[in-house]
Amino acid sequence: MVNSLLKKAEGIVIRTTDYGESDVIITIYSKQIGKIGMLARGAKKPNNRLSSVSQLFTYGNYLFRHTRGLGTLSQGEIIHSFRGIREDLFKTAYAAYIVELTDKLTDDFTASSALFDLLYFSLKFINENYDAEIISFIYATKMLAFAGITPQLERCAVCARNDQPFVSFSIKEGGFLCRRCHENDLHSMTVSHATPKLLKLFLHMDIKRLGKISVKRSTRDEINKVLTLYYDAYSGLNLRSKKFLEQMSSFQ
């Protein structure tokens, strides 16, 4: 009967929380089950067999006991430690933003192979020294779709035409505005031509095919502002990792 409660999942640790003097509660996003929390007993002790598999960003196989609510981790095997992320403060900041978005915008026990692949390849590419800022933009844009709050990127958010260049982004209208509709929101954010094109690319691109994307600093700042303002207005999230990322970015 006890063995029937054992479950196995291949997943990535997206959150860790200290519990008591020696235990850790980990949350993994798994390919088979989705998001699930489990107690790793003794994982705060350096020599504990669960210590390494309980670290943030770790990708592994997890065997755990589970009935309802919080599971209990029995054993784990590392598939990829993503050690390069943890050894670099800037990589850690971007990766932490990605996993916190995953945690906050997903429900327990709701699996998505597409989301798992997005998470895995985003961390893999950051670990391999791809442009972490661009990867974070791609991830944040795609997570809006997973959360069901995608802004209008294909056509003007007011007149619905797509044959005119966009000149601004409107939080009120929930998307980009063409020159004719710009006056509908006098508080809309003026953008260059590159920003709408890149956000549309980020939404639809296959992360597995990520190559080198060259983006000017001014355009990066615009994209970051659009995503930040939109998340603030429509997601209701308060991300600690975003604040840390902003602090880190000021040193770059």
Protein backbone atom coordinates (compact mmCIF):
# COMPACT_ATOMS: atom_id res chain seq x y z
CA MET A 1 0.00 0.00 0.00
CA VAL A 2 2.85 2.39 0.81
CA ASN A 3 4.55 1.76 -2.53
CA SER A 4 1.35 2.73 -4.33
CA LEU A 5 1.85 6.26 -2.98
CA LEU A 6 5.27 6.63 -4.61
CA LYS A 7 5.31 8.82 -7.69
CA LYS A 8 8.11 9.73 -10.07
CA ALA A 9 8.52 13.01 -11.92
CA GLU A 10 11.16 14.60 -14.10
CA GLY A 11 11.29 18.27 -13.23
CA ILE A 12 13.08 21.52 -12.47
CA VAL A 13 13.23 23.15 -9.03
CA ILE A 14 11.53 26.54 -9.36
CA ARG A 15 11.26 27.47 -5.67
CA THR A 16 12.91 26.53 -2.37
CA THR A 17 11.72 27.47 1.11
CA ASP A 18 13.55 26.70 4.35
CA TYR A 19 11.44 24.67 6.76
CA GLY A 20 12.64 24.27 10.30
CA GLU A 21 16.31 23.79 11.10
CA SER A 22 17.23 21.22 8.49
CA ASP A 23 14.36 20.69 6.02
CA VAL A 24 13.52 22.41 2.75
CA ILE A 25 10.23 22.61 0.86
CA ILE A 26 10.95 22.50 -2.86
CA THR A 27 8.58 23.23 -5.71
CA ILE A 28 9.31 21.58 -9.01
CA TYR A 29 7.76 22.06 -12.42
CA SER A 30 7.58 18.61 -13.95
CA LYS A 31 6.89 17.38 -17.44
CA GLN A 32 4.45 14.72 -16.24
CA ILE A 33 2.56 16.39 -13.38
CA GLY A 34 3.10 20.13 -13.64
CA LYS A 35 3.86 22.11 -10.50
CA ILE A 36 4.15 20.20 -7.24
CA GLY A 37 5.62 20.92 -3.81
CA MET A 38 7.44 18.40 -1.65
CA LEU A 39 9.30 18.30 1.63
CA ALA A 40 12.99 17.38 1.40
CA ARG A 41 13.90 16.24 4.91
CA GLY A 42 17.42 17.20 6.00
CA ALA A 43 18.21 18.90 2.68
CA LYS A 44 19.79 21.92 4.41
CA LYS A 45 22.55 19.64 5.71
CA PRO A 46 25.49 19.67 3.24
CA ASN A 47 26.04 15.91 3.29
CA ASN A 48 22.39 14.95 3.08
CA ARG A 49 21.54 12.82 0.02
CA LEU A 50 18.71 15.22 -0.90
CA SER A 51 20.79 18.39 -0.63
CA SER A 52 22.07 18.63 -4.21
CA VAL A 53 18.77 17.68 -5.90
CA SER A 54 16.93 20.29 -3.83
CA GLN A 55 18.83 23.32 -5.09
CA LEU A 56 17.11 26.01 -7.13
CA PHE A 57 17.27 25.49 -10.94
CA THR A 58 18.25 21.80 -10.61
CA TYR A 59 16.80 19.53 -13.28
CA GLY A 60 16.36 15.98 -12.10
CA ASN A 61 14.31 12.84 -11.56
CA TYR A 62 12.34 12.94 -8.32
CA LEU A 63 10.76 10.03 -6.44
CA PHE A 64 8.30 11.16 -3.79
CA ARG A 65 5.43 10.04 -1.64
CA HIS A 66 2.22 11.87 -2.31
CA THR A 67 -1.41 11.63 -1.32
CA ARG A 68 -2.83 15.14 -0.95
CA GLY A 69 -1.18 18.52 -0.57
CA LEU A 70 2.55 18.52 0.08
CA GLY A 71 4.57 15.49 -1.02
CA THR A 72 7.65 14.06 0.67
CA LEU A 73 10.80 13.62 -1.40
CA SER A 74 12.25 10.11 -1.07
CA GLN A 75 15.16 10.34 -3.49
CA GLY A 76 16.37 12.26 -6.50
CA GLU A 77 18.85 12.04 -9.33
CA ILE A 78 20.35 15.10 -11.03
CA ILE A 79 19.98 15.28 -14.81
CA HIS A 80 21.47 18.78 -15.10
CA SER A 81 22.61 21.00 -12.24
CA PHE A 82 22.86 24.22 -14.31
CA ARG A 83 25.89 24.98 -12.22
CA GLY A 84 26.94 27.81 -14.53
CA ILE A 85 23.85 29.77 -13.52
CA ARG A 86 24.47 29.51 -9.80
CA GLU A 87 28.13 30.55 -10.21
CA ASP A 88 27.23 33.83 -11.95
CA LEU A 89 25.21 36.50 -10.15
CA PHE A 90 23.75 38.01 -13.32
CA LYS A 91 22.72 34.61 -14.69
CA THR A 92 21.19 33.81 -11.31
CA ALA A 93 19.16 37.02 -11.39
CA TYR A 94 17.66 36.31 -14.81
CA ALA A 95 17.07 32.63 -14.04
CA ALA A 96 15.38 33.52 -10.74
CA TYR A 97 13.01 35.84 -12.63
CA ILE A 98 12.14 33.04 -15.05
CA VAL A 99 11.42 30.43 -12.39
CA GLU A 100 9.42 32.87 -10.26
CA LEU A 101 7.24 33.74 -13.27
CA THR A 102 6.70 30.01 -13.76
CA ASP A 103 5.78 29.52 -10.13
CA LYS A 104 3.41 32.49 -9.91
CA LEU A 105 1.62 31.94 -13.24
CA THR A 106 0.97 28.19 -13.07
CA ASP A 107 -1.46 26.08 -11.06
CA ASP A 108 -0.54 22.94 -9.15
CA PHE A 109 -0.82 19.63 -11.01
CA THR A 110 -1.44 21.25 -14.40
CA ALA A 111 1.17 19.92 -16.80
CA SER A 112 2.25 21.51 -20.07
CA SER A 113 5.03 19.92 -22.10
CA ALA A 114 5.38 23.16 -24.07
CA LEU A 115 5.93 25.16 -20.89
CA PHE A 116 8.36 22.59 -19.52
CA ASP A 117 10.40 22.77 -22.73
CA LEU A 118 10.34 26.58 -22.60
CA LEU A 119 11.60 26.52 -19.02
CA TYR A 120 14.26 23.90 -19.67
CA PHE A 121 15.71 25.47 -22.80
CA SER A 122 15.65 28.97 -21.30
CA LEU A 123 17.75 27.82 -18.34
CA LYS A 124 19.95 25.69 -20.61
CA PHE A 125 20.76 28.62 -22.87
CA ILE A 126 21.42 30.99 -19.97
CA ASN A 127 23.74 28.35 -18.52
CA GLU A 128 25.53 28.19 -21.91
CA ASN A 129 26.18 31.96 -22.01
CA TYR A 130 23.43 32.97 -24.43
CA ASP A 131 22.05 36.47 -23.92
CA ALA A 132 20.21 36.11 -20.60
CA GLU A 133 18.36 39.40 -20.93
CA ILE A 134 16.91 38.47 -24.34
CA ILE A 135 15.94 35.03 -23.02
CA SER A 136 14.13 36.69 -20.11
CA PHE A 137 12.21 38.88 -22.58
CA ILE A 138 11.21 35.84 -24.64
CA TYR A 139 10.13 33.97 -21.53
CA ALA A 140 8.13 36.87 -20.09
CA THR A 141 6.37 37.43 -23.43
CA LYS A 142 5.44 33.77 -23.80
CA MET A 143 4.28 33.52 -20.18
CA LEU A 144 1.69 36.21 -20.89
CA ALA A 145 0.14 33.78 -23.36
CA PHE A 146 0.25 30.91 -20.85
CA ALA A 147 -1.47 33.19 -18.32
CA GLY A 148 -4.11 34.25 -20.85
CA ILE A 149 -3.28 37.95 -20.73
CA THR A 150 -1.40 38.45 -24.01
CA PRO A 151 -1.39 42.06 -25.22
CA GLN A 152 -2.44 42.87 -28.77
CA LEU A 153 0.80 42.59 -30.75
CA GLU A 154 -0.55 41.72 -34.22
CA ARG A 155 -2.69 44.77 -35.01
CA CYS A 156 -3.69 48.14 -33.60
CA ALA A 157 -5.45 47.65 -30.27
CA VAL A 158 -8.05 50.30 -31.21
CA CYS A 159 -8.81 50.10 -34.94
CA ALA A 160 -7.54 46.51 -35.47
CA ARG A 161 -5.65 47.45 -38.63
CA ASN A 162 -2.28 45.82 -39.26
CA ASP A 163 -1.19 47.77 -42.35
CA GLN A 164 0.11 50.78 -40.42
CA PRO A 165 3.29 50.99 -38.32
CA PHE A 166 2.84 51.07 -34.57
CA VAL A 167 4.03 54.20 -32.80
CA SER A 168 3.14 53.59 -29.16
CA PHE A 169 2.10 51.01 -26.58
CA SER A 170 -1.04 51.56 -24.54
CA ILE A 171 -1.60 49.92 -21.18
CA LYS A 172 -5.22 51.16 -21.21
CA GLU A 173 -5.97 49.62 -24.62
CA GLY A 174 -3.83 46.55 -23.99
CA GLY A 175 -1.54 46.72 -26.99
CA PHE A 176 0.20 48.74 -29.68
CA LEU A 177 -1.40 51.75 -31.36
CA CYS A 178 -0.99 52.99 -34.91
CA ARG A 179 -0.38 56.64 -35.70
CA ARG A 180 -4.09 57.32 -36.33
CA CYS A 181 -5.13 55.89 -32.94
CA HIS A 182 -2.23 57.17 -30.89
CA GLU A 183 -4.35 60.06 -29.54
CA ASN A 184 -6.83 57.59 -27.99
CA ASP A 185 -4.38 57.28 -25.11
CA LEU A 186 -2.28 60.34 -24.46
CA HIS A 187 -0.42 58.40 -21.78
CA SER A 188 0.70 55.65 -24.16
CA MET A 189 4.41 54.90 -24.40
CA THR A 190 6.16 55.92 -27.61
CA VAL A 191 8.11 53.03 -29.14
CA SER A 192 10.50 52.50 -32.03
CA HIS A 193 9.59 50.25 -34.96
CA ALA A 194 11.85 47.49 -33.63
CA THR A 195 10.00 46.93 -30.34
CA PRO A 196 6.65 45.69 -31.77
CA LYS A 197 8.46 43.46 -34.26
CA LEU A 198 10.64 41.88 -31.60
CA LEU A 199 7.82 41.28 -29.13
CA LYS A 200 5.81 39.59 -31.87
CA LEU A 201 8.88 37.49 -32.71
CA PHE A 202 9.39 36.56 -29.06
CA LEU A 203 5.76 35.47 -28.73
CA HIS A 204 5.86 33.10 -31.69
CA MET A 205 9.46 31.90 -31.90
CA ASP A 206 10.55 28.37 -30.97
CA ILE A 207 12.98 28.76 -28.06
CA LYS A 208 14.78 25.59 -29.16
CA ARG A 209 15.93 27.42 -32.29
CA LEU A 210 17.32 30.41 -30.45
CA GLY A 211 20.30 31.93 -32.18
CA LYS A 212 22.13 35.20 -31.77
CA ILE A 213 19.74 38.15 -31.57
CA SER A 214 21.34 41.57 -31.76
CA VAL A 215 19.24 44.27 -30.07
CA LYS A 216 20.25 47.85 -29.34
CA ARG A 217 20.34 49.00 -25.73
CA SER A 218 17.61 51.57 -26.34
CA THR A 219 15.31 48.91 -27.80
CA ARG A 220 16.03 46.56 -24.89
CA ASP A 221 15.04 49.33 -22.50
CA GLU A 222 11.77 49.86 -24.40
CA ILE A 223 10.94 46.14 -24.37
CA ASN A 224 11.70 45.93 -20.66
CA LYS A 225 9.48 48.93 -19.95
CA VAL A 226 6.58 47.57 -22.03
CA LEU A 227 6.72 44.17 -20.33
CA THR A 228 7.14 45.65 -16.85
CA LEU A 229 4.23 48.06 -17.19
CA TYR A 230 1.99 45.43 -18.74
CA TYR A 231 2.74 42.83 -16.07
CA ASP A 232 2.17 45.43 -13.36
CA ALA A 233 -1.22 46.34 -14.84
CA TYR A 234 -2.59 42.92 -15.80
CA SER A 235 -0.89 40.14 -13.84
CA GLY A 236 -1.26 41.29 -10.24
CA LEU A 237 2.17 39.84 -9.48
CA ASN A 238 4.71 41.21 -7.05
CA LEU A 239 7.97 39.56 -8.07
CA ARG A 240 10.92 39.75 -5.69
CA SER A 241 13.17 38.48 -8.47
CA LYS A 242 12.18 41.39 -10.72
CA LYS A 243 13.29 43.91 -8.10
CA PHE A 244 16.57 42.05 -7.66
CA LEU A 245 17.03 41.94 -11.43
CA GLU A 246 16.52 45.68 -11.69
CA GLN A 247 19.11 46.24 -8.98
CA MET A 248 21.57 43.97 -10.79
CA SER A 249 20.92 45.61 -14.15
CA SER A 250 21.93 48.98 -12.74
CA PHE A 251 25.47 47.60 -12.29
CA GLN A 252 25.82 46.40 -15.90
